[in-house]
Amino acid sequence: MSDSQNQSGPVRVAVAGLGRAGWNIHVEAMRKLPDLFRVTAVLDGVPERRAEAERELGCRAYERYDDLLADRGAELVVVAAPTQLHADWTVAALSAGRHVLCEKPMARDLAECDRMIAAEKQSGRTLSIFQNRRFSPSFLKMRQVAASGVLGRIVMVRAAVADFRRRWDWQTVRSMGGGMLRNYGAHRIDQLMEFSGPAEPAVHCRLDRVLASGDAEDFVRLSMSAPDAPLLEVDIFMNCAFDLPEWLVLGDRGTLLSGPRGNSDPMRWKVVRGFDALPGHRPDLGPAAGREYSTEKLAFDEFQAVPNQEFEDSDLAYYRALHGAIRGGRPAPVSSASVRRRMLVIEQAAREQAGLR
């Protein structure tokens, strides 16, 4: 049993990085769960951010990561820094006896992932990766419908992100771990691989840089295929001015379609009425009657649901599960081993970056 499991009260947390993810996602989620988490220390290179955290959270603030780790008040370190720092900072925190929640993507490559996993095993602490979209209401509802069998055998699942957007921040620079494959793609690949089965999927990918100012891709079209699994498709287009459905699921009894906003949009699915009672047909190789394709009129039952009316916010659900891992000894909400499989897909796809313009 770890030291944290013997303790009571909120988990004491150090947040390393107070940018968009660190402040707007992680700190915001923990503020909503004061009985479960308390931020005791933060790290950031911007003085104004450190002052804001001290003022609003009543915590200690540091400019250097070594100083943050030297502060023994925290049990958990949230690594919310740019991707190129994930491996080094995670290994250092685990070696210092802290649990770690690392932002996605886990790392830049498999070698860094393996260093992190080795440090986790040696430390005996919990390492979880913030693939919070596994807890997204739209994903959970889509999986629920697919698993119910009403759509029949699932043939394809597609996840899409569409926008028309120019960016020039660090996420557009490959050396910093930027690019949409690792940014938005890390979430979509993680979700879709819940359908992939035990075999490692074959990966086919087209990457391009269209509007981004850096050298990293902002156009991703990725397919994963494995035996006895649906075709899994990821489309991330930062040069698409039209909305695309977040989810498209094709079965042999019906179809599911969600809106572009996912959680707050109605999710719709249509199911063939009485499919199993339909008469069978044998191939007719003779002249087509009336010179028409063979066809039949099918009746459908249509359903819909708004996912965020049924499931909790993904960030809060993730943090509740993380509290159970740290205080209750339960499995990490997203294990490092499971994310390594996703990083293998990303690494295979990233080999195609050499042809980027």
Protein backbone atom coordinates (compact mmCIF):
# COMPACT_ATOMS: atom_id res chain seq x y z
CA MET A 1 0.00 0.00 0.00
CA SER A 2 1.41 3.40 -0.99
CA ASP A 3 1.81 6.33 1.39
CA SER A 4 -1.01 8.14 -0.41
CA GLN A 5 -3.43 5.28 0.29
CA ASN A 6 -2.74 5.68 3.99
CA GLN A 7 -3.56 9.39 3.92
CA SER A 8 -6.93 11.09 4.13
CA GLY A 9 -8.26 14.38 2.90
CA PRO A 10 -7.78 15.88 -0.55
CA VAL A 11 -4.84 14.75 -2.66
CA ARG A 12 -2.18 17.47 -2.55
CA VAL A 13 -1.17 18.49 -6.07
CA ALA A 14 1.67 20.39 -7.74
CA VAL A 15 0.78 21.70 -11.21
CA ALA A 16 3.79 22.10 -13.51
CA GLY A 17 2.69 24.54 -16.19
CA LEU A 18 -0.09 27.13 -15.99
CA GLY A 19 -0.90 27.51 -19.67
CA ARG A 20 -4.16 26.61 -21.39
CA ALA A 21 -4.18 23.00 -20.20
CA GLY A 22 -2.63 23.51 -16.78
CA TRP A 23 -4.83 26.43 -15.72
CA ASN A 24 -8.01 26.14 -17.79
CA ILE A 25 -8.37 22.36 -17.64
CA HIS A 26 -6.49 20.86 -14.69
CA VAL A 27 -6.72 23.64 -12.12
CA GLU A 28 -10.32 24.32 -13.16
CA ALA A 29 -11.30 20.65 -12.69
CA MET A 30 -9.67 20.43 -9.27
CA ARG A 31 -11.37 23.65 -8.16
CA LYS A 32 -14.68 21.87 -8.77
CA LEU A 33 -13.60 18.89 -6.65
CA PRO A 34 -12.27 20.54 -3.47
CA ASP A 35 -13.00 17.49 -1.34
CA LEU A 36 -10.79 15.34 -3.57
CA PHE A 37 -7.89 17.60 -4.65
CA ARG A 38 -6.04 20.67 -3.39
CA VAL A 39 -3.38 22.54 -5.37
CA THR A 40 -0.51 23.25 -2.99
CA ALA A 41 2.21 24.29 -5.47
CA VAL A 42 2.55 25.47 -9.06
CA LEU A 43 5.30 26.09 -11.59
CA ASP A 44 5.39 28.57 -14.44
CA GLY A 45 7.92 30.81 -16.15
CA VAL A 46 5.53 33.78 -16.33
CA PRO A 47 5.55 35.89 -13.14
CA GLU A 48 1.97 37.08 -13.64
CA ARG A 49 0.73 33.49 -13.81
CA ARG A 50 2.57 32.57 -10.62
CA ALA A 51 1.10 35.59 -8.84
CA GLU A 52 -2.39 34.72 -10.06
CA ALA A 53 -2.07 31.18 -8.72
CA GLU A 54 -0.75 32.35 -5.35
CA ARG A 55 -3.60 34.84 -5.06
CA GLU A 56 -6.45 32.57 -6.19
CA LEU A 57 -5.29 29.17 -4.92
CA GLY A 58 -3.30 30.14 -1.83
CA CYS A 59 -0.45 27.92 -3.02
CA ARG A 60 3.31 28.19 -3.34
CA ALA A 61 4.69 29.14 -6.76
CA TYR A 62 8.02 28.26 -8.36
CA GLU A 63 9.95 29.18 -11.48
CA ARG A 64 12.25 26.13 -11.59
CA TYR A 65 11.09 22.51 -11.80
CA ASP A 66 13.76 21.30 -9.38
CA ASP A 67 12.39 23.69 -6.76
CA LEU A 68 8.86 22.39 -7.32
CA LEU A 69 10.02 18.80 -6.75
CA ALA A 70 11.94 19.86 -3.66
CA ASP A 71 8.64 21.04 -2.16
CA ARG A 72 7.56 17.90 -0.27
CA GLY A 73 4.00 19.07 0.24
CA ALA A 74 2.59 17.52 -2.94
CA GLU A 75 1.73 13.85 -3.54
CA LEU A 76 0.79 14.25 -7.22
CA VAL A 77 2.54 16.22 -9.96
CA VAL A 78 0.48 17.28 -12.98
CA VAL A 79 2.86 17.68 -15.92
CA ALA A 80 1.13 20.25 -18.13
CA ALA A 81 4.16 21.48 -20.03
CA PRO A 82 4.92 21.30 -23.78
CA THR A 83 5.39 17.78 -25.10
CA GLN A 84 9.17 17.83 -25.32
CA LEU A 85 9.32 18.12 -21.50
CA HIS A 86 6.88 15.31 -20.69
CA ALA A 87 9.38 12.45 -20.44
CA ASP A 88 12.08 14.24 -18.42
CA TRP A 89 9.66 15.88 -16.02
CA THR A 90 7.62 12.71 -15.52
CA VAL A 91 10.72 10.59 -14.83
CA ALA A 92 12.03 13.18 -12.38
CA ALA A 93 8.73 13.36 -10.48
CA LEU A 94 8.36 9.58 -10.26
CA SER A 95 11.97 9.29 -9.09
CA ALA A 96 11.16 11.84 -6.39
CA GLY A 97 8.36 9.58 -5.12
CA ARG A 98 5.40 11.46 -6.59
CA HIS A 99 2.42 10.16 -8.50
CA VAL A 100 2.21 11.76 -11.95
CA LEU A 101 -0.60 12.84 -14.23
CA CYS A 102 0.99 13.66 -17.59
CA GLU A 103 -0.78 15.64 -20.29
CA LYS A 104 -1.29 14.11 -23.71
CA PRO A 105 0.45 13.17 -25.88
CA MET A 106 2.41 10.97 -23.50
CA ALA A 107 5.71 11.74 -25.26
CA ARG A 108 7.31 12.49 -28.60
CA ASP A 109 8.23 8.89 -29.38
CA LEU A 110 8.27 5.33 -28.05
CA ALA A 111 11.74 5.65 -26.55
CA GLU A 112 10.48 8.42 -24.27
CA CYS A 113 7.36 6.38 -23.43
CA ASP A 114 9.51 3.44 -22.40
CA ARG A 115 11.65 5.63 -20.14
CA MET A 116 8.52 6.88 -18.42
CA ILE A 117 7.09 3.37 -17.98
CA ALA A 118 10.39 2.08 -16.59
CA ALA A 119 10.46 4.94 -14.06
CA GLU A 120 6.87 4.18 -13.09
CA LYS A 121 7.67 0.52 -12.40
CA GLN A 122 10.78 1.38 -10.40
CA SER A 123 9.01 4.02 -8.33
CA GLY A 124 5.91 2.03 -7.41
CA ARG A 125 3.89 5.18 -7.97
CA THR A 126 0.93 5.81 -10.29
CA LEU A 127 1.50 7.26 -13.74
CA SER A 128 -1.65 8.20 -15.63
CA ILE A 129 -1.90 9.96 -18.98
CA PHE A 130 -4.54 12.64 -19.46
CA GLN A 131 -6.44 11.02 -22.30
CA ASN A 132 -9.60 12.48 -20.84
CA ARG A 133 -11.61 11.96 -24.03
CA ARG A 134 -12.11 8.31 -23.02
CA PHE A 135 -14.55 9.86 -20.52
CA SER A 136 -16.19 12.23 -23.03
CA PRO A 137 -20.01 12.02 -22.95
CA SER A 138 -20.27 11.79 -26.75
CA PHE A 139 -17.73 8.95 -26.87
CA LEU A 140 -19.38 7.08 -24.01
CA LYS A 141 -22.80 7.42 -25.63
CA MET A 142 -21.48 6.31 -29.01
CA ARG A 143 -19.83 3.26 -27.43
CA GLN A 144 -23.00 2.47 -25.50
CA VAL A 145 -25.10 2.46 -28.67
CA ALA A 146 -22.52 0.44 -30.62
CA ALA A 147 -22.16 -2.12 -27.80
CA SER A 148 -25.94 -2.54 -27.51
CA GLY A 149 -25.98 -4.37 -30.84
CA VAL A 150 -28.75 -2.26 -32.39
CA LEU A 151 -26.43 -1.20 -35.22
CA GLY A 152 -25.43 -4.81 -35.85
CA ARG A 153 -21.84 -5.67 -36.74
CA ILE A 154 -19.80 -2.47 -36.67
CA VAL A 155 -17.97 -2.08 -39.99
CA MET A 156 -16.44 1.39 -39.59
CA VAL A 157 -16.02 4.08 -36.95
CA ARG A 158 -14.88 7.53 -38.02
CA ALA A 159 -13.87 10.43 -35.76
CA ALA A 160 -13.54 13.89 -37.31
CA VAL A 161 -12.35 17.34 -36.28
CA ALA A 162 -12.87 20.19 -38.75
CA ASP A 163 -11.96 23.88 -38.61
CA PHE A 164 -10.45 26.54 -40.85
CA ARG A 165 -7.71 27.94 -38.70
CA ARG A 166 -4.21 29.36 -38.95
CA ARG A 167 -1.95 28.74 -35.94
CA TRP A 168 1.57 29.90 -35.06
CA ASP A 169 2.05 28.68 -31.44
CA TRP A 170 4.41 25.89 -30.27
CA GLN A 171 1.89 23.27 -31.37
CA THR A 172 2.92 24.01 -34.97
CA VAL A 173 6.59 23.09 -34.37
CA ARG A 174 7.69 19.46 -34.76
CA SER A 175 10.78 19.68 -32.51
CA MET A 176 8.49 20.65 -29.60
CA GLY A 177 6.20 17.69 -30.22
CA GLY A 178 3.63 19.81 -32.05
CA GLY A 179 1.34 18.93 -34.93
CA MET A 180 -2.26 17.81 -35.13
CA LEU A 181 -1.31 14.12 -35.16
CA ARG A 182 -0.13 14.41 -31.56
CA ASN A 183 -2.46 17.23 -30.53
CA TYR A 184 -6.03 16.39 -31.58
CA GLY A 185 -5.00 13.06 -33.08
CA ALA A 186 -3.80 11.69 -29.75
CA HIS A 187 -7.36 11.94 -28.43
CA ARG A 188 -9.09 10.48 -31.46
CA ILE A 189 -6.64 7.61 -31.88
CA ASP A 190 -6.95 6.84 -28.17
CA GLN A 191 -10.73 6.68 -28.40
CA LEU A 192 -10.89 4.63 -31.58
CA MET A 193 -8.44 2.03 -30.34
CA GLU A 194 -11.06 0.97 -27.82
CA PHE A 195 -12.57 -0.75 -30.88
CA SER A 196 -9.32 -2.17 -32.31
CA GLY A 197 -9.09 -5.45 -30.41
CA PRO A 198 -5.88 -7.06 -29.09
CA ALA A 199 -3.89 -7.04 -32.35
CA GLU A 200 -1.74 -4.05 -33.25
CA PRO A 201 -3.52 -2.34 -36.17
CA ALA A 202 -1.99 -1.66 -39.57
CA VAL A 203 -1.67 2.09 -39.99
CA HIS A 204 -2.06 4.14 -43.15
CA CYS A 205 -1.72 7.91 -42.93
CA ARG A 206 -1.58 11.06 -45.02
CA LEU A 207 -0.15 14.15 -43.31
CA ASP A 208 0.21 17.65 -44.70
CA ARG A 209 0.90 21.18 -43.55
CA VAL A 210 -1.65 23.54 -45.08
CA LEU A 211 -2.14 26.65 -42.93
CA ALA A 212 0.10 26.27 -39.88
CA SER A 213 3.06 28.64 -39.61
CA GLY A 214 5.47 26.03 -38.24
CA ASP A 215 6.71 22.83 -39.88
CA ALA A 216 4.17 20.43 -38.29
CA GLU A 217 1.07 18.98 -39.91
CA ASP A 218 -2.41 20.48 -39.63
CA PHE A 219 -4.05 17.96 -41.99
CA VAL A 220 -4.34 14.34 -40.84
CA ARG A 221 -6.11 11.43 -42.53
CA LEU A 222 -5.37 8.18 -40.71
CA SER A 223 -6.79 4.66 -41.02
CA MET A 224 -6.30 1.70 -38.70
CA SER A 225 -7.27 -1.84 -39.59
CA ALA A 226 -6.93 -5.07 -37.63
CA PRO A 227 -8.39 -8.59 -37.87
CA ASP A 228 -11.94 -8.91 -36.53
CA ALA A 229 -12.14 -5.16 -35.88
CA PRO A 230 -13.93 -2.29 -37.61
CA LEU A 231 -12.09 0.02 -39.95
CA LEU A 232 -11.07 2.99 -37.79
CA GLU A 233 -10.73 6.41 -39.43
CA VAL A 234 -9.38 9.71 -38.04
CA ASP A 235 -9.89 12.91 -40.02
CA ILE A 236 -8.41 16.16 -38.68
CA PHE A 237 -8.71 19.03 -41.14
CA MET A 238 -7.66 22.53 -40.13
CA ASN A 239 -8.60 23.73 -43.64
CA CYS A 240 -12.27 22.68 -43.64
CA ALA A 241 -14.73 25.57 -43.40
CA PHE A 242 -17.77 23.29 -43.03
CA ASP A 243 -18.91 21.35 -39.99
CA LEU A 244 -18.36 17.59 -39.97
CA PRO A 245 -19.98 15.08 -37.60
CA GLU A 246 -17.74 14.19 -34.69
CA TRP A 247 -18.74 10.51 -34.99
CA LEU A 248 -19.94 8.32 -37.83
CA VAL A 249 -20.57 4.64 -37.07
CA LEU A 250 -21.58 2.24 -39.84
CA GLY A 251 -23.10 -1.13 -38.96
CA ASP A 252 -24.95 -3.80 -40.93
CA ARG A 253 -28.26 -2.96 -39.18
CA GLY A 254 -28.02 0.80 -38.81
CA THR A 255 -26.00 4.03 -38.70
CA LEU A 256 -25.02 6.51 -35.96
CA LEU A 257 -24.24 10.17 -36.59
CA SER A 258 -23.33 12.91 -34.13
CA GLY A 259 -23.12 16.67 -34.50
CA PRO A 260 -19.89 18.66 -34.81
CA ARG A 261 -20.04 19.88 -31.20
CA GLY A 262 -20.21 16.35 -29.84
CA ASN A 263 -21.31 16.46 -26.21
CA SER A 264 -23.97 19.14 -26.57
CA ASP A 265 -25.31 18.12 -29.99
CA PRO A 266 -28.03 15.49 -30.39
CA MET A 267 -26.58 12.12 -31.40
CA ARG A 268 -28.84 10.29 -33.84
CA TRP A 269 -28.98 6.69 -34.93
CA LYS A 270 -31.24 4.90 -37.39
CA VAL A 271 -31.91 1.17 -37.22
CA VAL A 272 -33.59 -0.98 -39.87
CA ARG A 273 -36.99 -2.06 -38.59
CA GLY A 274 -37.36 -5.85 -38.41
CA PHE A 275 -34.11 -6.58 -40.22
CA ASP A 276 -33.96 -10.23 -39.14
CA ALA A 277 -37.45 -10.84 -40.54
CA LEU A 278 -36.60 -9.48 -44.00
CA PRO A 279 -36.69 -12.07 -46.79
CA GLY A 280 -33.36 -13.35 -48.02
CA HIS A 281 -32.13 -12.72 -51.57
CA ARG A 282 -29.91 -14.75 -53.83
CA PRO A 283 -27.81 -13.05 -56.52
CA ASP A 284 -29.81 -12.68 -59.73
CA LEU A 285 -27.44 -12.83 -62.67
CA GLY A 286 -30.12 -12.48 -65.35
CA PRO A 287 -31.30 -9.36 -67.16
CA ALA A 288 -32.40 -6.67 -64.70
CA ALA A 289 -36.15 -6.29 -64.54
CA GLY A 290 -37.09 -2.92 -66.01
CA ARG A 291 -33.37 -2.23 -66.51
CA GLU A 292 -33.20 -1.16 -62.83
CA TYR A 293 -30.89 -2.14 -60.03
CA SER A 294 -32.42 -4.56 -57.55
CA THR A 295 -33.75 -2.63 -54.58
CA GLU A 296 -36.17 -2.72 -51.70
CA LYS A 297 -37.75 -0.11 -49.46
CA LEU A 298 -36.49 -0.39 -45.90
CA ALA A 299 -38.19 1.17 -42.88
CA PHE A 300 -36.07 2.72 -40.12
CA ASP A 301 -36.59 3.50 -36.47
CA GLU A 302 -34.77 6.68 -35.48
CA PHE A 303 -33.44 7.59 -32.02
CA GLN A 304 -31.50 10.47 -30.53
CA ALA A 305 -29.85 11.55 -27.29
CA VAL A 306 -27.84 14.52 -26.02
CA PRO A 307 -24.70 12.95 -24.48
CA ASN A 308 -23.95 15.56 -21.83
CA GLN A 309 -27.43 15.06 -20.39
CA GLU A 310 -26.50 11.46 -19.55
CA PHE A 311 -22.80 11.55 -18.62
CA GLU A 312 -20.58 13.69 -16.42
CA ASP A 313 -18.04 16.16 -17.78
CA SER A 314 -14.96 14.21 -18.92
CA ASP A 315 -12.43 16.20 -16.85
CA LEU A 316 -14.35 15.69 -13.62
CA ALA A 317 -14.94 12.02 -14.35
CA TYR A 318 -11.23 11.54 -15.02
CA TYR A 319 -10.18 13.27 -11.81
CA ARG A 320 -12.66 11.25 -9.74
CA ALA A 321 -11.12 8.08 -11.16
CA LEU A 322 -7.61 9.41 -10.50
CA HIS A 323 -8.52 10.06 -6.86
CA GLY A 324 -9.64 6.43 -6.60
CA ALA A 325 -6.28 5.31 -7.98
CA ILE A 326 -4.22 7.42 -5.58
CA ARG A 327 -6.31 7.08 -2.44
CA GLY A 328 -8.03 3.75 -3.04
CA GLY A 329 -5.38 1.74 -4.86
CA ARG A 330 -7.56 1.28 -7.94
CA PRO A 331 -6.07 1.16 -11.46
CA ALA A 332 -5.05 4.42 -13.11
CA PRO A 333 -7.90 5.86 -15.17
CA VAL A 334 -5.66 5.72 -18.26
CA SER A 335 -2.62 3.47 -17.86
CA SER A 336 0.76 4.22 -19.39
CA ALA A 337 0.81 0.77 -21.00
CA SER A 338 -2.47 1.39 -22.83
CA VAL A 339 -1.23 4.74 -24.12
CA ARG A 340 2.00 3.17 -25.37
CA ARG A 341 -0.11 1.20 -27.87
CA ARG A 342 -1.55 4.51 -29.09
CA MET A 343 1.91 6.04 -29.30
CA LEU A 344 3.00 3.15 -31.51
CA VAL A 345 0.27 4.18 -33.98
CA ILE A 346 1.36 7.83 -33.79
CA GLU A 347 5.00 6.88 -34.37
CA GLN A 348 4.11 4.78 -37.40
CA ALA A 349 2.07 7.65 -38.83
CA ALA A 350 4.75 10.23 -38.03
CA ARG A 351 7.24 8.45 -40.30
CA GLU A 352 5.27 9.93 -43.16
CA GLN A 353 6.08 13.49 -42.04
CA ALA A 354 9.27 13.52 -44.12
CA GLY A 355 7.19 14.49 -47.14
CA LEU A 356 5.62 17.54 -45.54
CA ARG A 357 5.97 20.78 -47.46
